């Protein structure tokens, strides 16, 4: 089972305490964007076998959204961090690189 820690209230719990919100760090396109950009935002998602950056909500706790870096194969969690950040913090990237040398994910690695 996936075990996550909410970065806001510090509660550590099973995935049933949280609600998945899909891929993190999506570049959103608003009015005036091209059809191709809007299509990319709506439909194109990463679905890796390995490290993935995701959005989660502490549904049965503080209710806040946060990001988690985890491995989709082993359910290993590399860390959680605020949803207001635009990219994974360096300590999360370092933790991933230490355990998965050569990993890449979009522009973060």
N, C-alpha and C. Protein backbone atom coordinates (compact mmCIF):
# COMPACT_ATOMS: atom_id res chain seq x y z
N UNK A 1 0.83 -1.18 0.00
CA UNK A 1 0.00 0.00 0.00
C UNK A 1 0.88 1.25 0.00
N UNK A 2 0.41 2.26 -0.66
CA UNK A 2 1.12 3.54 -0.75
C UNK A 2 0.94 4.32 0.55
N UNK A 3 2.05 4.76 1.14
CA UNK A 3 2.02 5.54 2.38
C UNK A 3 2.53 6.94 2.04
N UNK A 4 1.71 7.97 2.30
CA UNK A 4 2.06 9.35 2.01
C UNK A 4 2.08 10.17 3.29
N UNK A 5 2.84 11.25 3.29
CA UNK A 5 2.88 12.20 4.40
C UNK A 5 2.43 13.56 3.88
N UNK A 6 1.41 14.12 4.50
CA UNK A 6 0.94 15.45 4.09
C UNK A 6 1.98 16.48 4.51
N UNK A 7 2.48 17.29 3.56
CA UNK A 7 3.50 18.28 3.92
C UNK A 7 2.95 19.45 4.73
N UNK A 8 1.65 19.58 4.82
CA UNK A 8 1.04 20.69 5.55
C UNK A 8 0.77 20.35 7.01
N UNK A 9 0.07 19.24 7.25
CA UNK A 9 -0.29 18.89 8.63
C UNK A 9 0.60 17.80 9.21
N UNK A 10 1.46 17.18 8.38
CA UNK A 10 2.42 16.20 8.86
C UNK A 10 1.85 14.81 9.11
N UNK A 11 0.58 14.59 8.78
CA UNK A 11 -0.03 13.28 9.00
C UNK A 11 0.49 12.29 7.97
N UNK A 12 0.89 11.12 8.46
CA UNK A 12 1.35 10.04 7.59
C UNK A 12 0.23 9.01 7.54
N UNK A 13 -0.21 8.67 6.33
CA UNK A 13 -1.33 7.74 6.23
C UNK A 13 -1.32 6.94 4.95
N UNK A 14 -2.20 5.96 4.91
CA UNK A 14 -2.37 5.13 3.72
C UNK A 14 -3.03 5.94 2.62
N UNK A 15 -2.91 5.45 1.40
CA UNK A 15 -3.46 6.17 0.25
C UNK A 15 -4.96 6.38 0.35
N UNK A 16 -5.67 5.56 1.14
CA UNK A 16 -7.11 5.73 1.29
C UNK A 16 -7.47 6.99 2.06
N UNK A 17 -6.52 7.57 2.76
CA UNK A 17 -6.74 8.83 3.47
C UNK A 17 -6.62 10.02 2.53
N UNK A 18 -6.08 9.78 1.36
CA UNK A 18 -5.82 10.83 0.39
C UNK A 18 -6.60 10.58 -0.89
N UNK A 19 -6.61 11.56 -1.78
CA UNK A 19 -7.30 11.41 -3.07
C UNK A 19 -6.33 11.85 -4.17
N UNK A 20 -6.13 10.99 -5.14
CA UNK A 20 -5.22 11.30 -6.24
C UNK A 20 -5.83 12.32 -7.18
N UNK A 21 -5.02 13.23 -7.64
CA UNK A 21 -5.50 14.28 -8.54
C UNK A 21 -4.80 14.29 -9.88
N UNK A 22 -4.08 13.22 -10.21
CA UNK A 22 -3.43 13.14 -11.51
C UNK A 22 -2.02 13.71 -11.52
N UNK A 23 -1.55 13.95 -12.70
CA UNK A 23 -0.18 14.39 -12.92
C UNK A 23 0.06 15.80 -12.38
N UNK A 24 1.23 16.01 -11.82
CA UNK A 24 1.62 17.32 -11.29
C UNK A 24 2.38 18.12 -12.34
N UNK A 25 2.47 19.40 -12.11
CA UNK A 25 3.27 20.33 -12.91
C UNK A 25 2.84 20.41 -14.38
N UNK A 26 1.55 20.40 -14.62
CA UNK A 26 1.06 20.57 -15.98
C UNK A 26 1.10 22.05 -16.35
N UNK A 27 1.50 22.33 -17.56
CA UNK A 27 1.49 23.72 -18.04
C UNK A 27 0.10 23.99 -18.59
N UNK A 28 -0.60 24.92 -17.96
CA UNK A 28 -1.97 25.21 -18.35
C UNK A 28 -2.01 26.30 -19.42
N UNK A 29 -2.95 26.14 -20.33
CA UNK A 29 -3.12 27.10 -21.42
C UNK A 29 -4.51 27.70 -21.33
N UNK A 30 -4.61 29.01 -21.43
CA UNK A 30 -5.89 29.69 -21.30
C UNK A 30 -6.39 30.22 -22.62
N UNK A 31 -7.29 31.20 -22.52
CA UNK A 31 -7.86 31.81 -23.73
C UNK A 31 -6.76 32.35 -24.64
N UNK A 32 -6.95 32.17 -25.92
CA UNK A 32 -5.97 32.63 -26.90
C UNK A 32 -4.89 31.62 -27.21
N UNK A 33 -4.89 30.49 -26.55
CA UNK A 33 -3.88 29.48 -26.85
C UNK A 33 -4.26 28.75 -28.13
N UNK A 34 -3.28 28.11 -28.71
CA UNK A 34 -3.54 27.36 -29.94
C UNK A 34 -4.30 26.08 -29.61
N UNK A 35 -4.97 25.52 -30.61
CA UNK A 35 -5.68 24.27 -30.41
C UNK A 35 -4.72 23.15 -30.00
N UNK A 36 -3.54 23.15 -30.58
CA UNK A 36 -2.55 22.11 -30.26
C UNK A 36 -2.10 22.21 -28.80
N UNK A 37 -1.86 23.43 -28.32
CA UNK A 37 -1.46 23.61 -26.92
C UNK A 37 -2.57 23.18 -25.97
N UNK A 38 -3.81 23.56 -26.30
CA UNK A 38 -4.93 23.20 -25.45
C UNK A 38 -5.18 21.69 -25.45
N UNK A 39 -5.03 21.07 -26.61
CA UNK A 39 -5.16 19.61 -26.70
C UNK A 39 -4.09 18.93 -25.86
N UNK A 40 -2.87 19.43 -25.92
CA UNK A 40 -1.76 18.88 -25.13
C UNK A 40 -2.09 18.95 -23.65
N UNK A 41 -2.62 20.09 -23.21
CA UNK A 41 -2.97 20.26 -21.80
C UNK A 41 -4.10 19.32 -21.37
N UNK A 42 -5.12 19.17 -22.20
CA UNK A 42 -6.28 18.36 -21.83
C UNK A 42 -6.03 16.86 -21.84
N UNK A 43 -5.30 16.38 -22.84
CA UNK A 43 -5.27 14.95 -23.08
C UNK A 43 -3.93 14.25 -22.90
N UNK A 44 -2.83 14.94 -23.04
CA UNK A 44 -1.53 14.28 -23.03
C UNK A 44 -0.97 14.22 -21.60
N UNK A 45 -0.86 13.02 -21.07
CA UNK A 45 -0.35 12.81 -19.73
C UNK A 45 0.78 11.79 -19.74
N UNK A 46 1.70 11.96 -18.80
CA UNK A 46 2.75 10.98 -18.60
C UNK A 46 2.12 9.78 -17.89
N UNK A 47 2.57 8.60 -18.22
CA UNK A 47 2.12 7.40 -17.52
C UNK A 47 3.32 6.45 -17.44
N UNK A 48 4.34 6.88 -16.71
CA UNK A 48 5.59 6.12 -16.73
C UNK A 48 5.56 4.86 -15.87
N UNK A 49 6.40 3.95 -16.24
CA UNK A 49 6.70 2.81 -15.39
C UNK A 49 7.96 3.23 -14.64
N UNK A 50 7.78 3.77 -13.46
CA UNK A 50 8.91 4.31 -12.70
C UNK A 50 8.50 5.57 -11.96
N UNK A 51 9.42 6.52 -11.87
CA UNK A 51 9.19 7.74 -11.11
C UNK A 51 8.11 8.60 -11.77
N UNK A 52 7.19 9.08 -10.94
CA UNK A 52 6.10 9.92 -11.43
C UNK A 52 5.83 11.02 -10.40
N UNK A 53 5.51 12.21 -10.88
CA UNK A 53 5.16 13.33 -10.01
C UNK A 53 3.65 13.53 -10.10
N UNK A 54 2.98 13.49 -8.95
CA UNK A 54 1.52 13.49 -8.93
C UNK A 54 0.97 14.52 -7.95
N UNK A 55 -0.31 14.87 -8.16
CA UNK A 55 -1.05 15.73 -7.24
C UNK A 55 -1.87 14.83 -6.32
N UNK A 56 -1.94 15.19 -5.05
CA UNK A 56 -2.74 14.46 -4.08
C UNK A 56 -3.44 15.46 -3.17
N UNK A 57 -4.59 15.06 -2.64
CA UNK A 57 -5.34 15.89 -1.70
C UNK A 57 -5.52 15.10 -0.41
N UNK A 58 -5.30 15.76 0.70
CA UNK A 58 -5.49 15.10 2.00
C UNK A 58 -6.98 15.15 2.33
N UNK A 59 -7.72 14.25 1.71
CA UNK A 59 -9.19 14.26 1.76
C UNK A 59 -9.74 14.04 3.17
N UNK A 60 -9.14 13.13 3.94
CA UNK A 60 -9.64 12.84 5.29
C UNK A 60 -8.81 13.52 6.36
N UNK A 61 -8.28 14.68 6.02
CA UNK A 61 -7.47 15.44 6.97
C UNK A 61 -7.65 16.92 6.75
N UNK A 62 -6.55 17.60 6.45
CA UNK A 62 -6.59 19.06 6.32
C UNK A 62 -7.24 19.53 5.02
N UNK A 63 -7.39 18.64 4.04
CA UNK A 63 -8.07 18.99 2.79
C UNK A 63 -7.20 19.70 1.77
N UNK A 64 -5.93 19.89 2.05
CA UNK A 64 -5.06 20.63 1.14
C UNK A 64 -4.46 19.74 0.06
N UNK A 65 -4.18 20.36 -1.09
CA UNK A 65 -3.53 19.68 -2.21
C UNK A 65 -2.02 19.77 -2.03
N UNK A 66 -1.33 18.71 -2.44
CA UNK A 66 0.14 18.71 -2.42
C UNK A 66 0.64 17.82 -3.56
N UNK A 67 1.94 17.82 -3.78
CA UNK A 67 2.56 16.98 -4.79
C UNK A 67 3.35 15.87 -4.12
N UNK A 68 3.42 14.73 -4.82
CA UNK A 68 4.20 13.59 -4.33
C UNK A 68 5.05 13.04 -5.47
N UNK A 69 6.26 12.67 -5.15
CA UNK A 69 7.14 11.99 -6.11
C UNK A 69 7.20 10.54 -5.67
N UNK A 70 6.81 9.62 -6.57
CA UNK A 70 6.79 8.21 -6.20
C UNK A 70 7.11 7.34 -7.39
N UNK A 71 7.40 6.08 -7.11
CA UNK A 71 7.66 5.09 -8.15
C UNK A 71 6.38 4.29 -8.37
N UNK A 72 5.92 4.23 -9.60
CA UNK A 72 4.67 3.52 -9.90
C UNK A 72 4.85 2.01 -9.87
N UNK A 73 6.09 1.54 -9.87
CA UNK A 73 6.35 0.10 -9.85
C UNK A 73 6.44 -0.43 -8.42
N UNK A 74 7.22 0.25 -7.59
CA UNK A 74 7.49 -0.23 -6.23
C UNK A 74 6.66 0.46 -5.15
N UNK A 75 5.94 1.54 -5.51
CA UNK A 75 5.18 2.38 -4.58
C UNK A 75 6.08 3.12 -3.60
N UNK A 76 7.37 3.18 -3.89
CA UNK A 76 8.31 3.93 -3.05
C UNK A 76 8.02 5.42 -3.20
N UNK A 77 7.90 6.11 -2.07
CA UNK A 77 7.64 7.55 -2.08
C UNK A 77 8.95 8.27 -1.80
N UNK A 78 9.34 9.16 -2.71
CA UNK A 78 10.59 9.91 -2.56
C UNK A 78 10.40 11.18 -1.75
N UNK A 79 9.17 11.63 -1.64
CA UNK A 79 8.87 12.80 -0.84
C UNK A 79 7.60 13.49 -1.30
N UNK A 80 7.10 14.36 -0.44
CA UNK A 80 5.92 15.17 -0.76
C UNK A 80 6.29 16.64 -0.55
N UNK A 81 5.59 17.52 -1.25
CA UNK A 81 5.90 18.94 -1.16
C UNK A 81 4.69 19.77 -1.56
N UNK A 82 4.75 21.04 -1.27
CA UNK A 82 3.65 21.97 -1.48
C UNK A 82 3.18 22.01 -2.94
N UNK A 83 1.88 22.10 -3.12
CA UNK A 83 1.31 22.19 -4.47
C UNK A 83 1.58 23.54 -5.12
N UNK A 84 2.00 24.51 -4.34
CA UNK A 84 2.26 25.84 -4.89
C UNK A 84 3.63 25.97 -5.55
N UNK A 85 4.44 24.93 -5.49
CA UNK A 85 5.75 24.98 -6.13
C UNK A 85 5.62 24.64 -7.61
N UNK A 86 6.42 25.27 -8.42
CA UNK A 86 6.34 25.07 -9.87
C UNK A 86 7.21 23.93 -10.37
N UNK A 87 8.08 23.43 -9.52
CA UNK A 87 8.92 22.28 -9.88
C UNK A 87 9.31 21.55 -8.60
N UNK A 88 9.70 20.30 -8.71
CA UNK A 88 10.08 19.56 -7.50
C UNK A 88 11.27 20.21 -6.80
N UNK A 89 11.23 20.30 -5.48
CA UNK A 89 12.37 20.87 -4.74
C UNK A 89 13.64 20.04 -4.98
N UNK A 90 14.77 20.66 -4.80
CA UNK A 90 16.05 20.00 -5.06
C UNK A 90 16.23 18.75 -4.20
N UNK A 91 15.79 18.78 -2.95
CA UNK A 91 15.99 17.60 -2.09
C UNK A 91 15.17 16.40 -2.58
N UNK A 92 14.05 16.65 -3.22
CA UNK A 92 13.25 15.56 -3.80
C UNK A 92 13.97 15.00 -5.03
N UNK A 93 14.46 15.90 -5.89
CA UNK A 93 15.20 15.46 -7.08
C UNK A 93 16.45 14.69 -6.70
N UNK A 94 17.14 15.15 -5.64
CA UNK A 94 18.34 14.45 -5.16
C UNK A 94 17.99 13.06 -4.64
N UNK A 95 16.86 12.95 -3.92
CA UNK A 95 16.43 11.65 -3.38
C UNK A 95 16.11 10.68 -4.52
N UNK A 96 15.48 11.18 -5.57
CA UNK A 96 15.15 10.33 -6.71
C UNK A 96 16.44 9.90 -7.42
N UNK A 97 17.31 10.86 -7.69
CA UNK A 97 18.56 10.56 -8.40
C UNK A 97 19.44 9.58 -7.63
N UNK A 98 19.41 9.66 -6.30
CA UNK A 98 20.22 8.76 -5.49
C UNK A 98 19.76 7.31 -5.64
N UNK A 99 18.45 7.12 -5.80
CA UNK A 99 17.91 5.76 -5.89
C UNK A 99 17.63 5.32 -7.32
N UNK A 100 17.51 6.27 -8.23
CA UNK A 100 17.24 5.96 -9.64
C UNK A 100 18.17 6.79 -10.52
N UNK A 101 19.46 6.44 -10.57
CA UNK A 101 20.42 7.21 -11.38
C UNK A 101 19.95 7.28 -12.84
N UNK A 102 20.05 8.47 -13.42
CA UNK A 102 19.70 8.67 -14.82
C UNK A 102 18.22 8.86 -15.08
N UNK A 103 17.41 9.05 -14.06
CA UNK A 103 15.98 9.23 -14.28
C UNK A 103 15.72 10.56 -14.98
N UNK A 104 14.69 10.61 -15.74
CA UNK A 104 14.25 11.86 -16.38
C UNK A 104 12.73 11.90 -16.34
N UNK A 105 12.21 13.09 -16.26
CA UNK A 105 10.77 13.31 -16.28
C UNK A 105 10.55 14.73 -16.76
N UNK A 106 10.04 14.84 -17.95
CA UNK A 106 9.88 16.15 -18.60
C UNK A 106 11.17 16.95 -18.45
N UNK A 107 11.04 18.18 -17.98
CA UNK A 107 12.24 19.01 -17.86
C UNK A 107 12.91 18.90 -16.50
N UNK A 108 12.35 18.08 -15.59
CA UNK A 108 12.93 17.92 -14.27
C UNK A 108 13.75 16.64 -14.23
N UNK A 109 14.99 16.75 -13.75
CA UNK A 109 15.80 15.56 -13.54
C UNK A 109 16.97 15.89 -12.65
